[in-house]
């Protein structure tokens, strides 16, 4: 078993990951080999993540950060859901 860190890349209309050649060799992987993937979500958001969400929800730029975060919370996690 190998543990690697890699990035998701866009291929046409899909996404994929690159498996380093040393892992392919050590695990004797071939085209068509089946793998089991475990996804670990990010626990923290960077400032860039927050700004990207602000752009996504078209939030006004000239407000204090807490108001923006509160609005994002309401959009992403509405009460009662």
Protein backbone atom coordinates (compact mmCIF):
# COMPACT_ATOMS: atom_id res chain seq x y z
CA UNK A 1 0.00 0.00 0.00
CA UNK A 2 1.28 3.46 -0.94
CA UNK A 3 0.10 6.84 0.24
CA UNK A 4 0.64 9.76 -2.12
CA UNK A 5 -0.47 13.36 -2.39
CA UNK A 6 -1.45 14.54 -5.85
CA UNK A 7 -3.60 17.20 -7.51
CA UNK A 8 -6.77 16.75 -9.51
CA UNK A 9 -6.33 17.76 -13.15
CA UNK A 10 -8.90 18.47 -15.82
CA UNK A 11 -9.04 16.10 -18.81
CA UNK A 12 -11.72 17.15 -21.28
CA UNK A 13 -15.01 17.23 -19.34
CA UNK A 14 -13.65 14.98 -16.59
CA UNK A 15 -11.09 15.13 -13.80
CA UNK A 16 -8.26 12.73 -13.05
CA UNK A 17 -5.19 12.25 -10.91
CA UNK A 18 -1.63 11.40 -11.88
CA UNK A 19 -0.04 8.43 -10.14
CA UNK A 20 3.74 8.87 -9.89
CA UNK A 21 5.75 6.34 -11.92
CA UNK A 22 7.56 4.99 -8.84
CA UNK A 23 4.17 4.05 -7.33
CA UNK A 24 3.04 2.45 -10.61
CA UNK A 25 6.23 0.38 -10.66
CA UNK A 26 6.26 -0.57 -6.97
CA UNK A 27 2.59 -1.62 -7.02
CA UNK A 28 2.82 -3.29 -10.44
CA UNK A 29 -0.10 -1.20 -11.73
CA UNK A 30 -1.31 -1.58 -15.30
CA UNK A 31 -3.91 0.21 -17.38
CA UNK A 32 -7.27 -1.00 -16.13
CA UNK A 33 -5.99 -1.83 -12.62
CA UNK A 34 -8.60 -1.08 -9.97
CA UNK A 35 -7.71 1.26 -7.13
CA UNK A 36 -9.51 2.29 -4.00
CA UNK A 37 -9.36 6.03 -3.31
CA UNK A 38 -9.98 7.68 0.05
CA UNK A 39 -10.80 11.40 -0.10
CA UNK A 40 -9.85 13.56 2.87
CA UNK A 41 -11.65 16.91 2.72
CA UNK A 42 -9.79 20.07 3.58
CA UNK A 43 -10.33 20.98 7.21
CA UNK A 44 -9.35 24.61 6.80
CA UNK A 45 -10.05 27.32 4.27
CA UNK A 46 -7.37 29.65 3.03
CA UNK A 47 -7.99 33.33 2.36
CA UNK A 48 -7.96 32.47 -1.35
CA UNK A 49 -10.72 29.89 -0.73
CA UNK A 50 -12.83 32.50 1.08
CA UNK A 51 -12.31 35.07 -1.69
CA UNK A 52 -13.21 32.49 -4.35
CA UNK A 53 -16.45 31.70 -2.52
CA UNK A 54 -17.16 35.43 -2.21
CA UNK A 55 -16.73 35.78 -5.99
CA UNK A 56 -18.88 32.71 -6.58
CA UNK A 57 -21.73 34.17 -4.55
CA UNK A 58 -21.07 37.68 -5.96
CA UNK A 59 -20.65 39.18 -2.51
CA UNK A 60 -19.88 42.86 -2.30
CA UNK A 61 -16.19 43.57 -1.72
CA UNK A 62 -16.47 46.59 0.58
CA UNK A 63 -17.83 44.93 3.69
CA UNK A 64 -16.05 43.65 6.73
CA UNK A 65 -14.87 40.07 6.66
CA UNK A 66 -17.28 38.85 9.35
CA UNK A 67 -20.31 40.06 7.40
CA UNK A 68 -19.05 38.27 4.29
CA UNK A 69 -18.43 35.05 6.26
CA UNK A 70 -21.90 35.29 7.85
CA UNK A 71 -23.52 35.67 4.43
CA UNK A 72 -21.54 32.73 3.09
CA UNK A 73 -22.66 30.63 6.07
CA UNK A 74 -26.30 31.50 5.31
CA UNK A 75 -25.84 30.59 1.63
CA UNK A 76 -23.93 27.36 2.22
CA UNK A 77 -25.71 26.08 5.32
CA UNK A 78 -29.25 27.49 5.51
CA UNK A 79 -30.97 27.09 8.87
CA UNK A 80 -33.30 24.15 9.15
CA UNK A 81 -31.38 21.93 6.74
